[in-house]
Amino acid sequence: MKPIYRKILVPIDGSATSRRGLDAALLLAKQNNARIRLLHAVGIFIATPALTRTRPAKDIATTLHKAGKALLDKAAALASKHRVVADTTLLDIGAGHAADAIVAQAKKWRADLIVIGTHGRRGFDRLALGSDAEKVVRTSRVPVLTIRSRKTR
């Protein structure tokens, strides 16, 4: 039987929920002999002068990029440990939305599936914090597998 998924896009952000998504993606990749692309989006929001008083914007950007690269390297090592072929992409989205970058990357890379962790926020939490996973589900042209956090509300 021909594998359903050959290219799986896996956005990661370092959270426990993101790790659950990565674990699910690795299992699917192994079952389908698929490759994965690990994606981390860095957004730089300089919203208050207090933030720039403690650290210049350039330092913040450098720190975020280094942390993102370290996160991607750690996830790639995990994929290698599971014998899954993985590459990494670090995107600077500026003041954009991670969901838009994820969907664009899926299209550009011609992914067959996106696997993304979701916190499952509802009500005011969702309105206040937004939901990248929800927007990915709504706007993606490829199937999206959402993996819930361990907490349920």
N, C-alpha and C. Protein backbone atom coordinates (compact mmCIF):
# COMPACT_ATOMS: atom_id res chain seq x y z
N MET A 1 0.84 -1.18 0.00
CA MET A 1 0.00 0.00 0.00
C MET A 1 0.89 1.25 0.00
N LYS A 2 0.55 2.20 -0.83
CA LYS A 2 1.32 3.44 -0.95
C LYS A 2 1.09 4.33 0.28
N PRO A 3 2.17 4.89 0.84
CA PRO A 3 2.02 5.78 2.00
C PRO A 3 1.15 6.98 1.66
N ILE A 4 0.34 7.39 2.62
CA ILE A 4 -0.55 8.53 2.43
C ILE A 4 0.23 9.84 2.52
N TYR A 5 1.14 9.90 3.49
CA TYR A 5 1.88 11.13 3.75
C TYR A 5 3.35 10.91 3.47
N ARG A 6 3.92 11.74 2.63
CA ARG A 6 5.35 11.66 2.31
C ARG A 6 6.12 12.84 2.92
N LYS A 7 5.43 13.98 3.06
CA LYS A 7 6.07 15.20 3.58
C LYS A 7 5.17 15.81 4.65
N ILE A 8 5.68 15.82 5.88
CA ILE A 8 4.90 16.29 7.02
C ILE A 8 5.57 17.54 7.60
N LEU A 9 4.82 18.62 7.66
CA LEU A 9 5.30 19.87 8.24
C LEU A 9 4.94 19.90 9.72
N VAL A 10 5.93 20.21 10.55
CA VAL A 10 5.73 20.19 12.00
C VAL A 10 6.19 21.51 12.62
N PRO A 11 5.26 22.44 12.86
CA PRO A 11 5.62 23.67 13.55
C PRO A 11 5.90 23.37 15.02
N ILE A 12 6.98 23.94 15.55
CA ILE A 12 7.32 23.74 16.96
C ILE A 12 7.61 25.07 17.62
N ASP A 13 7.27 25.15 18.91
CA ASP A 13 7.52 26.40 19.64
C ASP A 13 8.18 26.17 21.00
N GLY A 14 8.50 24.94 21.32
CA GLY A 14 9.16 24.66 22.58
C GLY A 14 8.22 24.28 23.71
N SER A 15 6.92 24.39 23.50
CA SER A 15 5.96 24.04 24.55
C SER A 15 5.78 22.53 24.64
N ALA A 16 5.21 22.08 25.74
CA ALA A 16 4.91 20.66 25.92
C ALA A 16 3.90 20.20 24.87
N THR A 17 2.97 21.06 24.52
CA THR A 17 1.98 20.72 23.50
C THR A 17 2.64 20.56 22.14
N SER A 18 3.57 21.44 21.83
CA SER A 18 4.32 21.33 20.58
C SER A 18 5.10 20.01 20.54
N ARG A 19 5.65 19.62 21.68
CA ARG A 19 6.39 18.36 21.75
C ARG A 19 5.46 17.18 21.50
N ARG A 20 4.24 17.25 22.00
CA ARG A 20 3.27 16.18 21.73
C ARG A 20 2.98 16.10 20.23
N GLY A 21 2.89 17.24 19.57
CA GLY A 21 2.69 17.27 18.12
C GLY A 21 3.87 16.65 17.39
N LEU A 22 5.08 16.98 17.84
CA LEU A 22 6.29 16.42 17.24
C LEU A 22 6.31 14.91 17.40
N ASP A 23 5.98 14.42 18.59
CA ASP A 23 5.96 12.97 18.83
C ASP A 23 4.98 12.27 17.88
N ALA A 24 3.80 12.86 17.70
CA ALA A 24 2.80 12.28 16.79
C ALA A 24 3.31 12.30 15.35
N ALA A 25 3.95 13.40 14.97
CA ALA A 25 4.48 13.51 13.61
C ALA A 25 5.58 12.49 13.36
N LEU A 26 6.43 12.27 14.35
CA LEU A 26 7.49 11.27 14.19
C LEU A 26 6.92 9.87 14.01
N LEU A 27 5.88 9.56 14.76
CA LEU A 27 5.22 8.26 14.62
C LEU A 27 4.62 8.10 13.22
N LEU A 28 3.91 9.13 12.77
CA LEU A 28 3.32 9.09 11.42
C LEU A 28 4.40 9.00 10.34
N ALA A 29 5.46 9.75 10.51
CA ALA A 29 6.55 9.72 9.53
C ALA A 29 7.16 8.33 9.45
N LYS A 30 7.37 7.73 10.59
CA LYS A 30 7.94 6.38 10.63
C LYS A 30 7.01 5.38 9.93
N GLN A 31 5.72 5.46 10.21
CA GLN A 31 4.74 4.55 9.62
C GLN A 31 4.62 4.73 8.11
N ASN A 32 4.83 5.94 7.63
CA ASN A 32 4.64 6.24 6.21
C ASN A 32 5.96 6.40 5.45
N ASN A 33 7.08 6.16 6.13
CA ASN A 33 8.38 6.39 5.52
C ASN A 33 8.45 7.80 4.93
N ALA A 34 7.95 8.75 5.72
CA ALA A 34 7.86 10.15 5.28
C ALA A 34 9.02 10.94 5.86
N ARG A 35 9.24 12.10 5.29
CA ARG A 35 10.22 13.05 5.83
C ARG A 35 9.43 14.17 6.51
N ILE A 36 10.07 14.83 7.45
CA ILE A 36 9.41 15.94 8.11
C ILE A 36 10.23 17.21 7.95
N ARG A 37 9.52 18.30 8.00
CA ARG A 37 10.17 19.61 8.05
C ARG A 37 9.76 20.25 9.37
N LEU A 38 10.75 20.53 10.18
CA LEU A 38 10.53 21.19 11.46
C LEU A 38 10.57 22.70 11.22
N LEU A 39 9.56 23.39 11.68
CA LEU A 39 9.44 24.82 11.43
C LEU A 39 9.29 25.58 12.73
N HIS A 40 10.10 26.61 12.88
CA HIS A 40 9.95 27.51 14.03
C HIS A 40 9.86 28.93 13.49
N ALA A 41 8.82 29.63 13.90
CA ALA A 41 8.62 31.01 13.46
C ALA A 41 8.99 31.96 14.58
N VAL A 42 9.85 32.91 14.27
CA VAL A 42 10.27 33.92 15.24
C VAL A 42 9.57 35.21 14.93
N GLY A 43 8.77 35.69 15.89
CA GLY A 43 8.09 36.97 15.74
C GLY A 43 8.67 37.95 16.74
N ILE A 44 8.96 39.13 16.29
CA ILE A 44 9.55 40.13 17.16
C ILE A 44 8.55 41.26 17.34
N PHE A 45 8.05 41.35 18.56
CA PHE A 45 7.08 42.40 18.88
C PHE A 45 7.70 43.32 19.91
N ILE A 46 7.96 44.53 19.53
CA ILE A 46 8.49 45.51 20.47
C ILE A 46 7.30 46.38 20.85
N ALA A 47 6.56 45.93 21.87
CA ALA A 47 5.30 46.57 22.22
C ALA A 47 5.45 47.68 23.24
N THR A 48 6.46 47.59 24.07
CA THR A 48 6.57 48.60 25.13
C THR A 48 8.00 49.11 25.24
N PRO A 49 8.17 50.35 25.61
CA PRO A 49 9.50 50.89 25.83
C PRO A 49 10.25 50.16 26.95
N ALA A 50 9.52 49.59 27.92
CA ALA A 50 10.16 48.88 29.03
C ALA A 50 10.99 47.71 28.51
N LEU A 51 10.51 47.05 27.49
CA LEU A 51 11.22 45.92 26.93
C LEU A 51 12.53 46.38 26.30
N THR A 52 12.50 47.48 25.58
CA THR A 52 13.72 47.96 24.93
C THR A 52 14.68 48.62 25.92
N ARG A 53 14.18 49.04 27.08
CA ARG A 53 15.06 49.61 28.10
C ARG A 53 15.98 48.55 28.69
N THR A 54 15.45 47.34 28.83
CA THR A 54 16.25 46.27 29.44
C THR A 54 17.14 45.59 28.42
N ARG A 55 16.74 45.60 27.18
CA ARG A 55 17.52 44.96 26.12
C ARG A 55 17.24 45.65 24.80
N PRO A 56 18.25 46.00 24.05
CA PRO A 56 18.02 46.58 22.73
C PRO A 56 17.32 45.58 21.80
N ALA A 57 16.53 46.09 20.89
CA ALA A 57 15.77 45.23 19.98
C ALA A 57 16.67 44.24 19.23
N LYS A 58 17.85 44.70 18.84
CA LYS A 58 18.78 43.82 18.11
C LYS A 58 19.17 42.61 18.96
N ASP A 59 19.41 42.86 20.27
CA ASP A 59 19.76 41.76 21.18
C ASP A 59 18.61 40.79 21.34
N ILE A 60 17.40 41.31 21.42
CA ILE A 60 16.23 40.46 21.55
C ILE A 60 16.09 39.57 20.32
N ALA A 61 16.25 40.15 19.14
CA ALA A 61 16.15 39.37 17.90
C ALA A 61 17.21 38.28 17.86
N THR A 62 18.43 38.61 18.22
CA THR A 62 19.52 37.63 18.22
C THR A 62 19.21 36.50 19.19
N THR A 63 18.74 36.85 20.38
CA THR A 63 18.39 35.84 21.39
C THR A 63 17.29 34.93 20.90
N LEU A 64 16.25 35.50 20.29
CA LEU A 64 15.13 34.69 19.79
C LEU A 64 15.58 33.76 18.67
N HIS A 65 16.44 34.23 17.78
CA HIS A 65 16.93 33.39 16.70
C HIS A 65 17.81 32.24 17.22
N LYS A 66 18.67 32.55 18.19
CA LYS A 66 19.51 31.51 18.78
C LYS A 66 18.66 30.45 19.47
N ALA A 67 17.67 30.90 20.22
CA ALA A 67 16.78 29.96 20.92
C ALA A 67 16.00 29.11 19.92
N GLY A 68 15.55 29.74 18.84
CA GLY A 68 14.81 29.00 17.80
C GLY A 68 15.68 27.96 17.13
N LYS A 69 16.92 28.32 16.83
CA LYS A 69 17.83 27.36 16.22
C LYS A 69 18.12 26.20 17.15
N ALA A 70 18.32 26.50 18.42
CA ALA A 70 18.58 25.43 19.41
C ALA A 70 17.38 24.50 19.51
N LEU A 71 16.19 25.06 19.49
CA LEU A 71 14.97 24.27 19.54
C LEU A 71 14.87 23.35 18.32
N LEU A 72 15.15 23.90 17.14
CA LEU A 72 15.11 23.11 15.91
C LEU A 72 16.18 22.01 15.92
N ASP A 73 17.37 22.34 16.38
CA ASP A 73 18.45 21.35 16.45
C ASP A 73 18.08 20.19 17.37
N LYS A 74 17.48 20.51 18.50
CA LYS A 74 17.07 19.48 19.46
C LYS A 74 15.99 18.58 18.84
N ALA A 75 15.03 19.18 18.15
CA ALA A 75 13.96 18.41 17.52
C ALA A 75 14.52 17.55 16.38
N ALA A 76 15.47 18.08 15.62
CA ALA A 76 16.09 17.32 14.53
C ALA A 76 16.87 16.13 15.08
N ALA A 77 17.52 16.31 16.22
CA ALA A 77 18.25 15.20 16.86
C ALA A 77 17.27 14.12 17.30
N LEU A 78 16.11 14.52 17.79
CA LEU A 78 15.09 13.55 18.18
C LEU A 78 14.60 12.78 16.96
N ALA A 79 14.38 13.49 15.86
CA ALA A 79 13.95 12.82 14.62
C ALA A 79 15.01 11.81 14.17
N SER A 80 16.25 12.21 14.22
CA SER A 80 17.34 11.32 13.83
C SER A 80 17.37 10.07 14.72
N LYS A 81 17.16 10.28 16.00
CA LYS A 81 17.11 9.16 16.94
C LYS A 81 16.01 8.17 16.56
N HIS A 82 14.92 8.69 16.02
CA HIS A 82 13.80 7.85 15.58
C HIS A 82 13.94 7.38 14.13
N ARG A 83 15.09 7.72 13.54
CA ARG A 83 15.39 7.36 12.15
C ARG A 83 14.37 7.94 11.16
N VAL A 84 14.04 9.19 11.41
CA VAL A 84 13.15 9.93 10.52
C VAL A 84 13.97 11.05 9.88
N VAL A 85 13.91 11.16 8.57
CA VAL A 85 14.62 12.23 7.87
C VAL A 85 13.91 13.55 8.14
N ALA A 86 14.68 14.52 8.61
CA ALA A 86 14.10 15.82 8.95
C ALA A 86 15.02 16.95 8.52
N ASP A 87 14.40 18.03 8.07
CA ASP A 87 15.15 19.25 7.86
C ASP A 87 14.49 20.34 8.69
N THR A 88 15.17 21.46 8.83
CA THR A 88 14.67 22.52 9.70
C THR A 88 14.57 23.84 8.95
N THR A 89 13.60 24.63 9.36
CA THR A 89 13.41 25.97 8.80
C THR A 89 13.09 26.94 9.93
N LEU A 90 13.86 28.00 10.00
CA LEU A 90 13.62 29.07 10.96
C LEU A 90 13.15 30.28 10.16
N LEU A 91 11.93 30.72 10.44
CA LEU A 91 11.36 31.85 9.72
C LEU A 91 11.23 33.06 10.62
N ASP A 92 11.61 34.21 10.13
CA ASP A 92 11.42 35.47 10.84
C ASP A 92 10.13 36.08 10.30
N ILE A 93 9.11 36.12 11.15
CA ILE A 93 7.81 36.60 10.69
C ILE A 93 7.55 38.05 11.10
N GLY A 94 8.51 38.65 11.77
CA GLY A 94 8.34 40.05 12.18
C GLY A 94 7.10 40.21 13.03
N ALA A 95 6.21 41.08 12.62
CA ALA A 95 4.97 41.30 13.35
C ALA A 95 3.83 40.47 12.76
N GLY A 96 4.16 39.53 11.88
CA GLY A 96 3.13 38.69 11.26
C GLY A 96 2.63 37.61 12.19
N HIS A 97 1.79 36.76 11.66
CA HIS A 97 1.20 35.67 12.43
C HIS A 97 1.86 34.35 12.06
N ALA A 98 2.14 33.55 13.06
CA ALA A 98 2.76 32.24 12.82
C ALA A 98 1.89 31.39 11.90
N ALA A 99 0.59 31.44 12.07
CA ALA A 99 -0.30 30.62 11.24
C ALA A 99 -0.11 30.90 9.75
N ASP A 100 0.03 32.16 9.40
CA ASP A 100 0.22 32.51 7.99
C ASP A 100 1.53 31.93 7.46
N ALA A 101 2.58 32.00 8.27
CA ALA A 101 3.88 31.46 7.88
C ALA A 101 3.82 29.94 7.74
N ILE A 102 3.10 29.29 8.63
CA ILE A 102 2.96 27.83 8.58
C ILE A 102 2.26 27.40 7.31
N VAL A 103 1.14 28.03 7.01
CA VAL A 103 0.37 27.68 5.80
C VAL A 103 1.19 27.97 4.55
N ALA A 104 1.88 29.09 4.52
CA ALA A 104 2.71 29.44 3.36
C ALA A 104 3.84 28.42 3.18
N GLN A 105 4.46 28.00 4.28
CA GLN A 105 5.54 27.03 4.20
C GLN A 105 5.01 25.67 3.71
N ALA A 106 3.83 25.28 4.16
CA ALA A 106 3.22 24.02 3.71
C ALA A 106 3.00 24.05 2.20
N LYS A 107 2.54 25.17 1.71
CA LYS A 107 2.31 25.32 0.27
C LYS A 107 3.63 25.30 -0.49
N LYS A 108 4.60 26.08 -0.02
CA LYS A 108 5.90 26.18 -0.70
C LYS A 108 6.62 24.83 -0.74
N TRP A 109 6.58 24.09 0.37
CA TRP A 109 7.27 22.81 0.48
C TRP A 109 6.46 21.66 -0.11
N ARG A 110 5.20 21.93 -0.40
CA ARG A 110 4.26 20.92 -0.91
C ARG A 110 4.05 19.80 0.09
N ALA A 111 3.79 20.20 1.32
CA ALA A 111 3.53 19.24 2.39
C ALA A 111 2.24 18.48 2.12
N ASP A 112 2.20 17.24 2.58
CA ASP A 112 0.99 16.43 2.48
C ASP A 112 0.14 16.55 3.74
N LEU A 113 0.77 16.98 4.83
CA LEU A 113 0.10 17.05 6.13
C LEU A 113 0.84 18.05 7.01
N ILE A 114 0.08 18.74 7.85
CA ILE A 114 0.64 19.58 8.91
C ILE A 114 0.23 18.94 10.23
N VAL A 115 1.19 18.75 11.12
CA VAL A 115 0.89 18.25 12.46
C VAL A 115 1.26 19.35 13.43
N ILE A 116 0.28 19.81 14.20
CA ILE A 116 0.49 20.97 15.07
C ILE A 116 -0.16 20.74 16.42
N GLY A 117 0.57 21.11 17.46
CA GLY A 117 0.01 21.05 18.81
C GLY A 117 -0.94 22.21 19.02
N THR A 118 -1.97 21.97 19.83
CA THR A 118 -2.92 23.03 20.15
C THR A 118 -3.24 22.99 21.64
N HIS A 119 -3.39 24.16 22.21
CA HIS A 119 -3.71 24.24 23.63
C HIS A 119 -5.20 24.10 23.88
N GLY A 120 -6.01 24.17 22.81
CA GLY A 120 -7.44 23.98 22.96
C GLY A 120 -8.12 25.08 23.76
N ARG A 121 -7.62 26.30 23.63
CA ARG A 121 -8.22 27.40 24.39
C ARG A 121 -9.62 27.70 23.87
N ARG A 122 -10.44 28.16 24.78
CA ARG A 122 -11.81 28.53 24.41
C ARG A 122 -12.15 29.86 25.05
N GLY A 123 -13.24 30.44 24.61
CA GLY A 123 -13.76 31.65 25.23
C GLY A 123 -12.78 32.81 25.21
N PHE A 124 -12.68 33.50 26.36
CA PHE A 124 -11.86 34.70 26.44
C PHE A 124 -10.38 34.40 26.18
N ASP A 125 -9.89 33.26 26.69
CA ASP A 125 -8.48 32.90 26.45
C ASP A 125 -8.18 32.87 24.96
N ARG A 126 -9.08 32.28 24.17
CA ARG A 126 -8.86 32.18 22.74
C ARG A 126 -8.91 33.56 22.09
N LEU A 127 -9.85 34.38 22.53
CA LEU A 127 -9.95 35.73 21.98
C LEU A 127 -8.72 36.56 22.33
N ALA A 128 -8.25 36.45 23.55
CA ALA A 128 -7.11 37.25 24.00
C ALA A 128 -5.80 36.76 23.40
N LEU A 129 -5.61 35.47 23.33
CA LEU A 129 -4.33 34.92 22.89
C LEU A 129 -4.32 34.50 21.43
N GLY A 130 -5.49 34.34 20.85
CA GLY A 130 -5.55 33.88 19.47
C GLY A 130 -5.24 32.39 19.39
N SER A 131 -5.41 31.83 18.23
CA SER A 131 -5.10 30.42 18.06
C SER A 131 -4.47 30.22 16.70
N ASP A 132 -3.16 30.00 16.71
CA ASP A 132 -2.48 29.72 15.45
C ASP A 132 -2.97 28.41 14.87
N ALA A 133 -3.16 27.40 15.71
CA ALA A 133 -3.61 26.09 15.22
C ALA A 133 -4.97 26.21 14.54
N GLU A 134 -5.87 26.96 15.15
CA GLU A 134 -7.20 27.13 14.56
C GLU A 134 -7.11 27.82 13.20
N LYS A 135 -6.29 28.84 13.10
CA LYS A 135 -6.16 29.55 11.83
C LYS A 135 -5.50 28.66 10.78
N VAL A 136 -4.55 27.83 11.19
CA VAL A 136 -3.94 26.89 10.24
C VAL A 136 -5.00 25.94 9.71
N VAL A 137 -5.83 25.40 10.60
CA VAL A 137 -6.90 24.48 10.18
C VAL A 137 -7.84 25.17 9.19
N ARG A 138 -8.19 26.41 9.48
CA ARG A 138 -9.14 27.13 8.62
C ARG A 138 -8.56 27.51 7.27
N THR A 139 -7.26 27.76 7.18
CA THR A 139 -6.71 28.31 5.95
C THR A 139 -5.83 27.36 5.13
N SER A 140 -5.48 26.22 5.70
CA SER A 140 -4.59 25.30 5.00
C SER A 140 -5.31 24.55 3.88
N ARG A 141 -4.59 24.32 2.81
CA ARG A 141 -5.13 23.52 1.70
C ARG A 141 -4.80 22.05 1.87
N VAL A 142 -3.95 21.73 2.83
CA VAL A 142 -3.60 20.33 3.10
C VAL A 142 -4.20 19.94 4.45
N PRO A 143 -4.38 18.65 4.68
CA PRO A 143 -4.93 18.21 5.96
C PRO A 143 -4.06 18.66 7.13
N VAL A 144 -4.72 18.92 8.26
CA VAL A 144 -4.03 19.34 9.47
C VAL A 144 -4.46 18.42 10.60
N LEU A 145 -3.48 17.83 11.26
CA LEU A 145 -3.72 17.01 12.43
C LEU A 145 -3.37 17.85 13.64
N THR A 146 -4.35 18.12 14.49
CA THR A 146 -4.09 18.89 15.71
C THR A 146 -3.96 17.91 16.87
N ILE A 147 -2.96 18.17 17.68
CA ILE A 147 -2.70 17.35 18.86
C ILE A 147 -2.93 18.21 20.09
N ARG A 148 -3.89 17.81 20.90
CA ARG A 148 -4.25 18.57 22.09
C ARG A 148 -3.21 18.44 23.19
N SER A 149 -3.16 19.46 24.03
CA SER A 149 -2.31 19.37 25.22
C SER A 149 -2.92 18.35 26.17
N ARG A 150 -2.16 17.96 27.13
CA ARG A 150 -2.67 16.98 28.11
C ARG A 150 -3.81 17.56 28.91
N LYS A 151 -3.79 18.85 29.15
CA LYS A 151 -4.87 19.49 29.90
C LYS A 151 -6.11 19.60 29.02
N THR A 152 -7.24 19.30 29.55
CA THR A 152 -8.50 19.51 28.84
C THR A 152 -9.38 20.38 29.69
N ARG A 153 -10.16 21.18 29.05
CA ARG A 153 -11.04 22.10 29.81
C ARG A 153 -12.46 21.64 29.68
